[in-house]
Amino acid sequence: MQVKKLKRHVRLIVGGPILFALILAACFSGWLAPADPYKIDTKNILKGPSGQHPFGTDQIGRDILSRVIFGARVSLSVSGAAVFFAIGKRRFSSSAADRHPH
C-alpha cells in the first residue's frame, strides 16, 4: 500500500531534495562558493575542471562553480516572486469573480 502512494509522488520524491539542495546552496552561497564569483583572473581563462576550479573557468577567468552557486540566489528569488505573484493574482481574480457574478 505504501509503495503505491510513493509511486504517485515520484516528482516530489525526486524534485524535493534537489530543490532543498538548491535552497541551501543559495542561502549559504557565501560559505559554499570556492572562489569570488566576480573576481577576474586573466591567468586562468577558459581552464578546464581542476581541484581549484571544479567546473572550470569562463572567458575572463571567473570560477564557474561559484557563479552557479551565486546564480541560484537570483533564480530562486525570481521564481519565488513569480509564484507569489501568481498566487496573489489567482486569489484576487477568484475573489473578484465571486463578488461580481456575470
PDB file of N, CA and C in Angstrom:
ATOM      1  N   MET A   1       0.825  -1.197   0.000  1.00  0.00           N
ATOM      2  CA  MET A   1       0.000   0.000   0.000  1.00  0.00           C
ATOM      3  C   MET A   1       0.867   1.259   0.000  1.00  0.00           C
ATOM      4  N   GLN A   2       1.916   1.287   0.802  1.00  0.00           N
ATOM      5  CA  GLN A   2       2.786   2.455   0.872  1.00  0.00           C
ATOM      6  C   GLN A   2       3.524   2.682  -0.441  1.00  0.00           C
ATOM      7  N   VAL A   3       3.904   1.610  -1.146  1.00  0.00           N
ATOM      8  CA  VAL A   3       4.629   1.735  -2.398  1.00  0.00           C
ATOM      9  C   VAL A   3       3.763   2.421  -3.442  1.00  0.00           C
ATOM     10  N   LYS A   4       2.482   2.138  -3.457  1.00  0.00           N
ATOM     11  CA  LYS A   4       1.571   2.779  -4.408  1.00  0.00           C
ATOM     12  C   LYS A   4       1.479   4.277  -4.147  1.00  0.00           C
ATOM     13  N   LYS A   5       1.449   4.663  -2.886  1.00  0.00           N
ATOM     14  CA  LYS A   5       1.396   6.080  -2.553  1.00  0.00           C
ATOM     15  C   LYS A   5       2.682   6.785  -2.978  1.00  0.00           C
ATOM     16  N   LEU A   6       3.822   6.124  -2.780  1.00  0.00           N
ATOM     17  CA  LEU A   6       5.093   6.717  -3.174  1.00  0.00           C
ATOM     18  C   LEU A   6       5.206   6.843  -4.690  1.00  0.00           C
ATOM     19  N   LYS A   7       4.685   5.888  -5.423  1.00  0.00           N
ATOM     20  CA  LYS A   7       4.739   5.948  -6.885  1.00  0.00           C
ATOM     21  C   LYS A   7       3.941   7.124  -7.430  1.00  0.00           C
ATOM     22  N   ARG A   8       2.915   7.532  -6.729  1.00  0.00           N
ATOM     23  CA  ARG A   8       2.111   8.669  -7.185  1.00  0.00           C
ATOM     24  C   ARG A   8       2.857   9.979  -6.995  1.00  0.00           C
ATOM     25  N   HIS A   9       3.828  10.023  -6.121  1.00  0.00           N
ATOM     26  CA  HIS A   9       4.543  11.253  -5.797  1.00  0.00           C
ATOM     27  C   HIS A   9       6.014  11.181  -6.201  1.00  0.00           C
ATOM     28  N   VAL A  10       6.296  10.575  -7.336  1.00  0.00           N
ATOM     29  CA  VAL A  10       7.674  10.420  -7.790  1.00  0.00           C
ATOM     30  C   VAL A  10       8.318  11.785  -8.023  1.00  0.00           C
ATOM     31  N   ARG A  11       7.597  12.713  -8.592  1.00  0.00           N
ATOM     32  CA  ARG A  11       8.154  14.048  -8.850  1.00  0.00           C
ATOM     33  C   ARG A  11       8.558  14.737  -7.550  1.00  0.00           C
ATOM     34  N   LEU A  12       7.755  14.580  -6.537  1.00  0.00           N
ATOM     35  CA  LEU A  12       8.079  15.168  -5.238  1.00  0.00           C
ATOM     36  C   LEU A  12       9.299  14.493  -4.624  1.00  0.00           C
ATOM     37  N   ILE A  13       9.372  13.180  -4.731  1.00  0.00           N
ATOM     38  CA  ILE A  13      10.486  12.441  -4.160  1.00  0.00           C
ATOM     39  C   ILE A  13      11.798  12.799  -4.860  1.00  0.00           C
ATOM     40  N   VAL A  14      11.758  12.997  -6.175  1.00  0.00           N
ATOM     41  CA  VAL A  14      12.965  13.342  -6.922  1.00  0.00           C
ATOM     42  C   VAL A  14      13.254  14.839  -6.834  1.00  0.00           C
ATOM     43  N   GLY A  15      12.243  15.653  -7.040  1.00  0.00           N
ATOM     44  CA  GLY A  15      12.441  17.097  -7.091  1.00  0.00           C
ATOM     45  C   GLY A  15      12.611  17.760  -5.742  1.00  0.00           C
ATOM     46  N   GLY A  16      12.014  17.208  -4.715  1.00  0.00           N
ATOM     47  CA  GLY A  16      12.090  17.794  -3.379  1.00  0.00           C
ATOM     48  C   GLY A  16      13.515  17.946  -2.862  1.00  0.00           C
ATOM     49  N   PRO A  17      14.290  16.867  -2.858  1.00  0.00           N
ATOM     50  CA  PRO A  17      15.677  17.005  -2.389  1.00  0.00           C
ATOM     51  C   PRO A  17      16.528  17.927  -3.275  1.00  0.00           C
ATOM     52  N   ILE A  18      16.265  17.932  -4.571  1.00  0.00           N
ATOM     53  CA  ILE A  18      17.010  18.821  -5.474  1.00  0.00           C
ATOM     54  C   ILE A  18      16.691  20.273  -5.146  1.00  0.00           C
ATOM     55  N   LEU A  19      15.420  20.582  -4.980  1.00  0.00           N
ATOM     56  CA  LEU A  19      15.019  21.942  -4.626  1.00  0.00           C
ATOM     57  C   LEU A  19      15.583  22.338  -3.262  1.00  0.00           C
ATOM     58  N   PHE A  20      15.542  21.428  -2.317  1.00  0.00           N
ATOM     59  CA  PHE A  20      16.087  21.693  -0.983  1.00  0.00           C
ATOM     60  C   PHE A  20      17.592  21.986  -1.057  1.00  0.00           C
ATOM     61  N   ALA A  21      18.319  21.209  -1.864  1.00  0.00           N
ATOM     62  CA  ALA A  21      19.762  21.442  -2.031  1.00  0.00           C
ATOM     63  C   ALA A  21      20.023  22.797  -2.675  1.00  0.00           C
ATOM     64  N   LEU A  22      19.211  23.176  -3.666  1.00  0.00           N
ATOM     65  CA  LEU A  22      19.368  24.490  -4.292  1.00  0.00           C
ATOM     66  C   LEU A  22      19.102  25.616  -3.303  1.00  0.00           C
ATOM     67  N   ILE A  23      18.083  25.459  -2.493  1.00  0.00           N
ATOM     68  CA  ILE A  23      17.764  26.489  -1.499  1.00  0.00           C
ATOM     69  C   ILE A  23      18.898  26.615  -0.481  1.00  0.00           C
ATOM     70  N   LEU A  24      19.415  25.481  -0.036  1.00  0.00           N
ATOM     71  CA  LEU A  24      20.550  25.529   0.905  1.00  0.00           C
ATOM     72  C   LEU A  24      21.772  26.174   0.259  1.00  0.00           C
ATOM     73  N   ALA A  25      22.054  25.814  -0.981  1.00  0.00           N
ATOM     74  CA  ALA A  25      23.204  26.389  -1.681  1.00  0.00           C
ATOM     75  C   ALA A  25      23.028  27.890  -1.841  1.00  0.00           C
ATOM     76  N   ALA A  26      21.808  28.324  -2.130  1.00  0.00           N
ATOM     77  CA  ALA A  26      21.556  29.755  -2.289  1.00  0.00           C
ATOM     78  C   ALA A  26      21.698  30.489  -0.954  1.00  0.00           C
ATOM     79  N   CYS A  27      21.202  29.895   0.102  1.00  0.00           N
ATOM     80  CA  CYS A  27      21.276  30.540   1.418  1.00  0.00           C
ATOM     81  C   CYS A  27      22.702  30.632   1.939  1.00  0.00           C
ATOM     82  N   PHE A  28      23.489  29.626   1.669  1.00  0.00           N
ATOM     83  CA  PHE A  28      24.854  29.588   2.193  1.00  0.00           C
ATOM     84  C   PHE A  28      25.892  29.763   1.094  1.00  0.00           C
ATOM     85  N   SER A  29      25.546  30.506   0.059  1.00  0.00           N
ATOM     86  CA  SER A  29      26.447  30.669  -1.087  1.00  0.00           C
ATOM     87  C   SER A  29      27.760  31.330  -0.700  1.00  0.00           C
ATOM     88  N   GLY A  30      27.733  32.222   0.263  1.00  0.00           N
ATOM     89  CA  GLY A  30      28.961  32.873   0.701  1.00  0.00           C
ATOM     90  C   GLY A  30      29.968  31.908   1.296  1.00  0.00           C
ATOM     91  N   TRP A  31      29.490  30.839   1.917  1.00  0.00           N
ATOM     92  CA  TRP A  31      30.377  29.852   2.529  1.00  0.00           C
ATOM     93  C   TRP A  31      30.679  28.698   1.588  1.00  0.00           C
ATOM     94  N   LEU A  32      29.746  28.373   0.692  1.00  0.00           N
ATOM     95  CA  LEU A  32      29.935  27.214  -0.178  1.00  0.00           C
ATOM     96  C   LEU A  32      30.772  27.504  -1.420  1.00  0.00           C
ATOM     97  N   ALA A  33      30.720  28.709  -1.911  1.00  0.00           N
ATOM     98  CA  ALA A  33      31.433  29.037  -3.146  1.00  0.00           C
ATOM     99  C   ALA A  33      32.942  28.968  -2.905  1.00  0.00           C
ATOM    100  N   PRO A  34      33.660  28.240  -3.749  1.00  0.00           N
ATOM    101  CA  PRO A  34      35.101  28.095  -3.540  1.00  0.00           C
ATOM    102  C   PRO A  34      35.913  29.347  -3.876  1.00  0.00           C
ATOM    103  N   ALA A  35      35.332  30.278  -4.635  1.00  0.00           N
ATOM    104  CA  ALA A  35      36.054  31.491  -5.024  1.00  0.00           C
ATOM    105  C   ALA A  35      35.068  32.640  -5.175  1.00  0.00           C
ATOM    106  N   ASP A  36      35.592  33.836  -5.304  1.00  0.00           N
ATOM    107  CA  ASP A  36      34.766  35.009  -5.558  1.00  0.00           C
ATOM    108  C   ASP A  36      34.212  34.913  -6.978  1.00  0.00           C
ATOM    109  N   PRO A  37      32.886  34.903  -7.144  1.00  0.00           N
ATOM    110  CA  PRO A  37      32.320  34.725  -8.493  1.00  0.00           C
ATOM    111  C   PRO A  37      32.549  35.915  -9.419  1.00  0.00           C
ATOM    112  N   TYR A  38      32.969  37.041  -8.879  1.00  0.00           N
ATOM    113  CA  TYR A  38      33.163  38.242  -9.690  1.00  0.00           C
ATOM    114  C   TYR A  38      34.633  38.549  -9.954  1.00  0.00           C
ATOM    115  N   LYS A  39      35.535  37.818  -9.307  1.00  0.00           N
ATOM    116  CA  LYS A  39      36.966  38.086  -9.445  1.00  0.00           C
ATOM    117  C   LYS A  39      37.462  37.630 -10.814  1.00  0.00           C
ATOM    118  N   ILE A  40      38.084  38.548 -11.534  1.00  0.00           N
ATOM    119  CA  ILE A  40      38.647  38.253 -12.847  1.00  0.00           C
ATOM    120  C   ILE A  40      40.084  37.793 -12.663  1.00  0.00           C
ATOM    121  N   ASP A  41      40.395  36.636 -13.244  1.00  0.00           N
ATOM    122  CA  ASP A  41      41.740  36.069 -13.150  1.00  0.00           C
ATOM    123  C   ASP A  41      42.221  35.760 -14.565  1.00  0.00           C
ATOM    124  N   THR A  42      42.959  36.680 -15.152  1.00  0.00           N
ATOM    125  CA  THR A  42      43.371  36.529 -16.552  1.00  0.00           C
ATOM    126  C   THR A  42      44.361  35.389 -16.764  1.00  0.00           C
ATOM    127  N   LYS A  43      44.943  34.866 -15.700  1.00  0.00           N
ATOM    128  CA  LYS A  43      45.869  33.729 -15.833  1.00  0.00           C
ATOM    129  C   LYS A  43      45.117  32.404 -15.974  1.00  0.00           C
ATOM    130  N   ASN A  44      43.850  32.392 -15.612  1.00  0.00           N
ATOM    131  CA  ASN A  44      43.064  31.151 -15.652  1.00  0.00           C
ATOM    132  C   ASN A  44      41.887  31.249 -16.619  1.00  0.00           C
ATOM    133  N   ILE A  45      42.072  31.854 -17.763  1.00  0.00           N
ATOM    134  CA  ILE A  45      40.991  31.993 -18.746  1.00  0.00           C
ATOM    135  C   ILE A  45      40.702  30.650 -19.410  1.00  0.00           C
ATOM    136  N   LEU A  46      39.425  30.265 -19.427  1.00  0.00           N
ATOM    137  CA  LEU A  46      38.934  29.052 -20.079  1.00  0.00           C
ATOM    138  C   LEU A  46      39.688  27.786 -19.666  1.00  0.00           C
ATOM    139  N   LYS A  47      39.973  27.667 -18.393  1.00  0.00           N
ATOM    140  CA  LYS A  47      40.617  26.456 -17.876  1.00  0.00           C
ATOM    141  C   LYS A  47      39.556  25.388 -17.640  1.00  0.00           C
ATOM    142  N   GLY A  48      39.931  24.164 -17.841  1.00  0.00           N
ATOM    143  CA  GLY A  48      39.028  23.041 -17.601  1.00  0.00           C
ATOM    144  C   GLY A  48      38.889  22.763 -16.116  1.00  0.00           C
ATOM    145  N   PRO A  49      38.043  21.802 -15.779  1.00  0.00           N
ATOM    146  CA  PRO A  49      37.865  21.444 -14.373  1.00  0.00           C
ATOM    147  C   PRO A  49      39.183  21.020 -13.722  1.00  0.00           C
ATOM    148  N   SER A  50      39.357  21.457 -12.486  1.00  0.00           N
ATOM    149  CA  SER A  50      40.562  21.115 -11.720  1.00  0.00           C
ATOM    150  C   SER A  50      40.192  21.126 -10.239  1.00  0.00           C
ATOM    151  N   GLY A  51      41.142  20.870  -9.393  1.00  0.00           N
ATOM    152  CA  GLY A  51      40.891  20.902  -7.956  1.00  0.00           C
ATOM    153  C   GLY A  51      40.556  22.301  -7.470  1.00  0.00           C
ATOM    154  N   GLN A  52      41.192  23.296  -8.068  1.00  0.00           N
ATOM    155  CA  GLN A  52      40.951  24.680  -7.671  1.00  0.00           C
ATOM    156  C   GLN A  52      39.631  25.214  -8.240  1.00  0.00           C
ATOM    157  N   HIS A  53      39.287  24.771  -9.444  1.00  0.00           N
ATOM    158  CA  HIS A  53      38.054  25.209 -10.116  1.00  0.00           C
ATOM    159  C   HIS A  53      37.301  23.966 -10.607  1.00  0.00           C
ATOM    160  N   PRO A  54      36.437  23.378  -9.763  1.00  0.00           N
ATOM    161  CA  PRO A  54      35.771  22.113 -10.115  1.00  0.00           C
ATOM    162  C   PRO A  54      34.959  22.147 -11.414  1.00  0.00           C
ATOM    163  N   PHE A  55      34.383  23.293 -11.776  1.00  0.00           N
ATOM    164  CA  PHE A  55      33.641  23.406 -13.038  1.00  0.00           C
ATOM    165  C   PHE A  55      34.451  24.126 -14.101  1.00  0.00           C
ATOM    166  N   GLY A  56      35.664  24.511 -13.787  1.00  0.00           N
ATOM    167  CA  GLY A  56      36.496  25.251 -14.719  1.00  0.00           C
ATOM    168  C   GLY A  56      36.284  26.754 -14.573  1.00  0.00           C
ATOM    169  N   THR A  57      36.808  27.519 -15.562  1.00  0.00           N
ATOM    170  CA  THR A  57      36.667  28.977 -15.539  1.00  0.00           C
ATOM    171  C   THR A  57      36.075  29.456 -16.850  1.00  0.00           C
ATOM    172  N   ASP A  58      35.566  30.684 -16.844  1.00  0.00           N
ATOM    173  CA  ASP A  58      34.940  31.242 -18.042  1.00  0.00           C
ATOM    174  C   ASP A  58      35.929  32.079 -18.863  1.00  0.00           C
ATOM    175  N   GLN A  59      35.391  32.890 -19.776  1.00  0.00           N
ATOM    176  CA  GLN A  59      36.199  33.643 -20.729  1.00  0.00           C
ATOM    177  C   GLN A  59      37.099  34.694 -20.082  1.00  0.00           C
ATOM    178  N   ILE A  60      36.792  35.106 -18.865  1.00  0.00           N
ATOM    179  CA  ILE A  60      37.645  36.092 -18.196  1.00  0.00           C
ATOM    180  C   ILE A  60      38.216  35.563 -16.878  1.00  0.00           C
ATOM    181  N   GLY A  61      38.196  34.234 -16.748  1.00  0.00           N
ATOM    182  CA  GLY A  61      38.865  33.594 -15.620  1.00  0.00           C
ATOM    183  C   GLY A  61      38.073  33.461 -14.346  1.00  0.00           C
ATOM    184  N   ARG A  62      36.766  33.739 -14.374  1.00  0.00           N
ATOM    185  CA  ARG A  62      35.957  33.606 -13.153  1.00  0.00           C
ATOM    186  C   ARG A  62      35.595  32.142 -12.926  1.00  0.00           C
ATOM    187  N   ASP A  63      35.494  31.750 -11.675  1.00  0.00           N
ATOM    188  CA  ASP A  63      35.164  30.376 -11.298  1.00  0.00           C
ATOM    189  C   ASP A  63      33.699  30.088 -11.611  1.00  0.00           C
ATOM    190  N   ILE A  64      33.445  29.072 -12.426  1.00  0.00           N
ATOM    191  CA  ILE A  64      32.080  28.779 -12.873  1.00  0.00           C
ATOM    192  C   ILE A  64      31.231  28.206 -11.739  1.00  0.00           C
ATOM    193  N   LEU A  65      31.788  27.327 -10.913  1.00  0.00           N
ATOM    194  CA  LEU A  65      31.015  26.771  -9.794  1.00  0.00           C
ATOM    195  C   LEU A  65      30.536  27.880  -8.862  1.00  0.00           C
ATOM    196  N   SER A  66      31.381  28.829  -8.564  1.00  0.00           N
ATOM    197  CA  SER A  66      30.983  29.944  -7.699  1.00  0.00           C
ATOM    198  C   SER A  66      29.867  30.755  -8.347  1.00  0.00           C
ATOM    199  N   ARG A  67      29.953  30.948  -9.643  1.00  0.00           N
ATOM    200  CA  ARG A  67      28.921  31.707 -10.345  1.00  0.00           C
ATOM    201  C   ARG A  67      27.593  30.949 -10.376  1.00  0.00           C
ATOM    202  N   VAL A  68      27.661  29.622 -10.492  1.00  0.00           N
ATOM    203  CA  VAL A  68      26.438  28.806 -10.461  1.00  0.00           C
ATOM    204  C   VAL A  68      25.792  28.879  -9.082  1.00  0.00           C
ATOM    205  N   ILE A  69      26.602  28.770  -8.036  1.00  0.00           N
ATOM    206  CA  ILE A  69      26.069  28.819  -6.670  1.00  0.00           C
ATOM    207  C   ILE A  69      25.444  30.187  -6.386  1.00  0.00           C
ATOM    208  N   PHE A  70      26.127  31.261  -6.751  1.00  0.00           N
ATOM    209  CA  PHE A  70      25.569  32.591  -6.530  1.00  0.00           C
ATOM    210  C   PHE A  70      24.370  32.844  -7.451  1.00  0.00           C
ATOM    211  N   GLY A  71      24.385  32.259  -8.635  1.00  0.00           N
ATOM    212  CA  GLY A  71      23.254  32.396  -9.554  1.00  0.00           C
ATOM    213  C   GLY A  71      21.994  31.735  -9.037  1.00  0.00           C
ATOM    214  N   ALA A  72      22.144  30.738  -8.177  1.00  0.00           N
ATOM    215  CA  ALA A  72      20.970  30.078  -7.591  1.00  0.00           C
ATOM    216  C   ALA A  72      20.148  31.055  -6.766  1.00  0.00           C
ATOM    217  N   ARG A  73      20.818  32.024  -6.127  1.00  0.00           N
ATOM    218  CA  ARG A  73      20.082  33.030  -5.337  1.00  0.00           C
ATOM    219  C   ARG A  73      19.152  33.836  -6.232  1.00  0.00           C
ATOM    220  N   VAL A  74      19.668  34.272  -7.358  1.00  0.00           N
ATOM    221  CA  VAL A  74      18.855  35.074  -8.275  1.00  0.00           C
ATOM    222  C   VAL A  74      17.715  34.238  -8.841  1.00  0.00           C
ATOM    223  N   SER A  75      18.021  33.014  -9.260  1.00  0.00           N
ATOM    224  CA  SER A  75      16.988  32.145  -9.837  1.00  0.00           C
ATOM    225  C   SER A  75      15.870  31.858  -8.844  1.00  0.00           C
ATOM    226  N   LEU A  76      16.225  31.560  -7.615  1.00  0.00           N
ATOM    227  CA  LEU A  76      15.204  31.271  -6.612  1.00  0.00           C
ATOM    228  C   LEU A  76      14.413  32.520  -6.240  1.00  0.00           C
ATOM    229  N   SER A  77      15.057  33.667  -6.235  1.00  0.00           N
ATOM    230  CA  SER A  77      14.339  34.919  -5.941  1.00  0.00           C
ATOM    231  C   SER A  77      13.307  35.214  -7.027  1.00  0.00           C
ATOM    232  N   VAL A  78      13.700  35.071  -8.282  1.00  0.00           N
ATOM    233  CA  VAL A  78      12.785  35.341  -9.388  1.00  0.00           C
ATOM    234  C   VAL A  78      11.643  34.333  -9.394  1.00  0.00           C
ATOM    235  N   SER A  79      11.955  33.052  -9.208  1.00  0.00           N
ATOM    236  CA  SER A  79      10.888  32.051  -9.216  1.00  0.00           C
ATOM    237  C   SER A  79       9.963  32.221  -8.019  1.00  0.00           C
ATOM    238  N   GLY A  80      10.506  32.579  -6.859  1.00  0.00           N
ATOM    239  CA  GLY A  80       9.659  32.836  -5.687  1.00  0.00           C
ATOM    240  C   GLY A  80       8.739  34.020  -5.897  1.00  0.00           C
ATOM    241  N   ALA A  81       9.261  35.080  -6.516  1.00  0.00           N
ATOM    242  CA  ALA A  81       8.426  36.246  -6.815  1.00  0.00           C
ATOM    243  C   ALA A  81       7.333  35.890  -7.811  1.00  0.00           C
ATOM    244  N   ALA A  82       7.668  35.067  -8.801  1.00  0.00           N
ATOM    245  CA  ALA A  82       6.666  34.661  -9.793  1.00  0.00           C
ATOM    246  C   ALA A  82       5.548  33.833  -9.150  1.00  0.00           C
ATOM    247  N   VAL A  83       5.918  32.918  -8.269  1.00  0.00           N
ATOM    248  CA  VAL A  83       4.918  32.101  -7.571  1.00  0.00           C
ATOM    249  C   VAL A  83       4.059  32.988  -6.672  1.00  0.00           C
ATOM    250  N   PHE A  84       4.692  33.887  -5.945  1.00  0.00           N
ATOM    251  CA  PHE A  84       3.966  34.799  -5.073  1.00  0.00           C
ATOM    252  C   PHE A  84       2.974  35.641  -5.881  1.00  0.00           C
ATOM    253  N   PHE A  85       3.410  36.171  -7.024  1.00  0.00           N
ATOM    254  CA  PHE A  85       2.545  36.972  -7.886  1.00  0.00           C
ATOM    255  C   PHE A  85       1.396  36.138  -8.438  1.00  0.00           C
ATOM    256  N   ALA A  86       1.688  34.916  -8.878  1.00  0.00           N
ATOM    257  CA  ALA A  86       0.648  34.050  -9.447  1.00  0.00           C
ATOM    258  C   ALA A  86      -0.405  33.689  -8.403  1.00  0.00           C
ATOM    259  N   ILE A  87       0.030  33.389  -7.191  1.00  0.00           N
ATOM    260  CA  ILE A  87      -0.923  33.055  -6.128  1.00  0.00           C
ATOM    261  C   ILE A  87      -1.768  34.273  -5.784  1.00  0.00           C
ATOM    262  N   GLY A  88      -1.124  35.423  -5.664  1.00  0.00           N
ATOM    263  CA  GLY A  88      -1.864  36.647  -5.360  1.00  0.00           C
ATOM    264  C   GLY A  88      -2.845  37.007  -6.452  1.00  0.00           C
ATOM    265  N   LYS A  89      -2.443  36.868  -7.696  1.00  0.00           N
ATOM    266  CA  LYS A  89      -3.327  37.175  -8.820  1.00  0.00           C
ATOM    267  C   LYS A  89      -4.511  36.218  -8.850  1.00  0.00           C
ATOM    268  N   ARG A  90      -4.243  34.945  -8.586  1.00  0.00           N
ATOM    269  CA  ARG A  90      -5.321  33.966  -8.589  1.00  0.00           C
ATOM    270  C   ARG A  90      -6.318  34.248  -7.470  1.00  0.00           C
ATOM    271  N   ARG A  91      -5.806  34.571  -6.304  1.00  0.00           N
ATOM    272  CA  ARG A  91      -6.710  34.874  -5.185  1.00  0.00           C
ATOM    273  C   ARG A  91      -7.531  36.114  -5.474  1.00  0.00           C
ATOM    274  N   PHE A  92      -6.893  37.127  -6.031  1.00  0.00           N
ATOM    275  CA  PHE A  92      -7.598  38.368  -6.328  1.00  0.00           C
ATOM    276  C   PHE A  92      -8.635  38.153  -7.419  1.00  0.00           C
ATOM    277  N   SER A  93      -8.271  37.438  -8.470  1.00  0.00           N
ATOM    278  CA  SER A  93      -9.208  37.244  -9.570  1.00  0.00           C
ATOM    279  C   SER A  93     -10.374  36.346  -9.168  1.00  0.00           C
ATOM    280  N   SER A  94     -10.139  35.337  -8.341  1.00  0.00           N
ATOM    281  CA  SER A  94     -11.233  34.459  -7.930  1.00  0.00           C
ATOM    282  C   SER A  94     -12.156  35.176  -6.966  1.00  0.00           C
ATOM    283  N   SER A  95     -11.616  36.035  -6.084  1.00  0.00           N
ATOM    284  CA  SER A  95     -12.481  36.728  -5.154  1.00  0.00           C
ATOM    285  C   SER A  95     -13.269  37.824  -5.873  1.00  0.00           C
ATOM    286  N   ALA A  96     -12.675  38.438  -6.901  1.00  0.00           N
ATOM    287  CA  ALA A  96     -13.393  39.451  -7.676  1.00  0.00           C
ATOM    288  C   ALA A  96     -14.528  38.804  -8.469  1.00  0.00           C
ATOM    289  N   ALA A  97     -14.321  37.614  -8.975  1.00  0.00           N
ATOM    290  CA  ALA A  97     -15.361  36.912  -9.727  1.00  0.00           C
ATOM    291  C   ALA A  97     -16.508  36.513  -8.802  1.00  0.00           C
ATOM    292  N   ASP A  98     -16.205  36.193  -7.568  1.00  0.00           N
ATOM    293  CA  ASP A  98     -17.245  35.820  -6.617  1.00  0.00           C
ATOM    294  C   ASP A  98     -18.104  37.028  -6.237  1.00  0.00           C
ATOM    295  N   ARG A  99     -17.505  38.204  -6.185  1.00  0.00           N
ATOM    296  CA  ARG A  99     -18.242  39.391  -5.789  1.00  0.00           C
ATOM    297  C   ARG A  99     -19.108  39.945  -6.913  1.00  0.00           C
ATOM    298  N   HIS A 100     -18.671  39.792  -8.140  1.00  0.00           N
ATOM    299  CA  HIS A 100     -19.387  40.356  -9.279  1.00  0.00           C
ATOM    300  C   HIS A 100     -19.720  39.274 -10.287  1.00  0.00           C
ATOM    301  N   PRO A 101     -20.774  38.515 -10.043  1.00  0.00           N
ATOM    302  CA  PRO A 101     -21.123  37.453 -10.995  1.00  0.00           C
ATOM    303  C   PRO A 101     -21.615  38.038 -12.312  1.00  0.00           C
ATOM    304  N   HIS A 102     -21.365  37.345 -13.391  1.00  0.00           N
ATOM    305  CA  HIS A 102     -21.772  37.799 -14.725  1.00  0.00           C
ATOM    306  C   HIS A 102     -23.219  37.533 -14.898  1.00  0.00           C
TER     307      HIS A 102
END
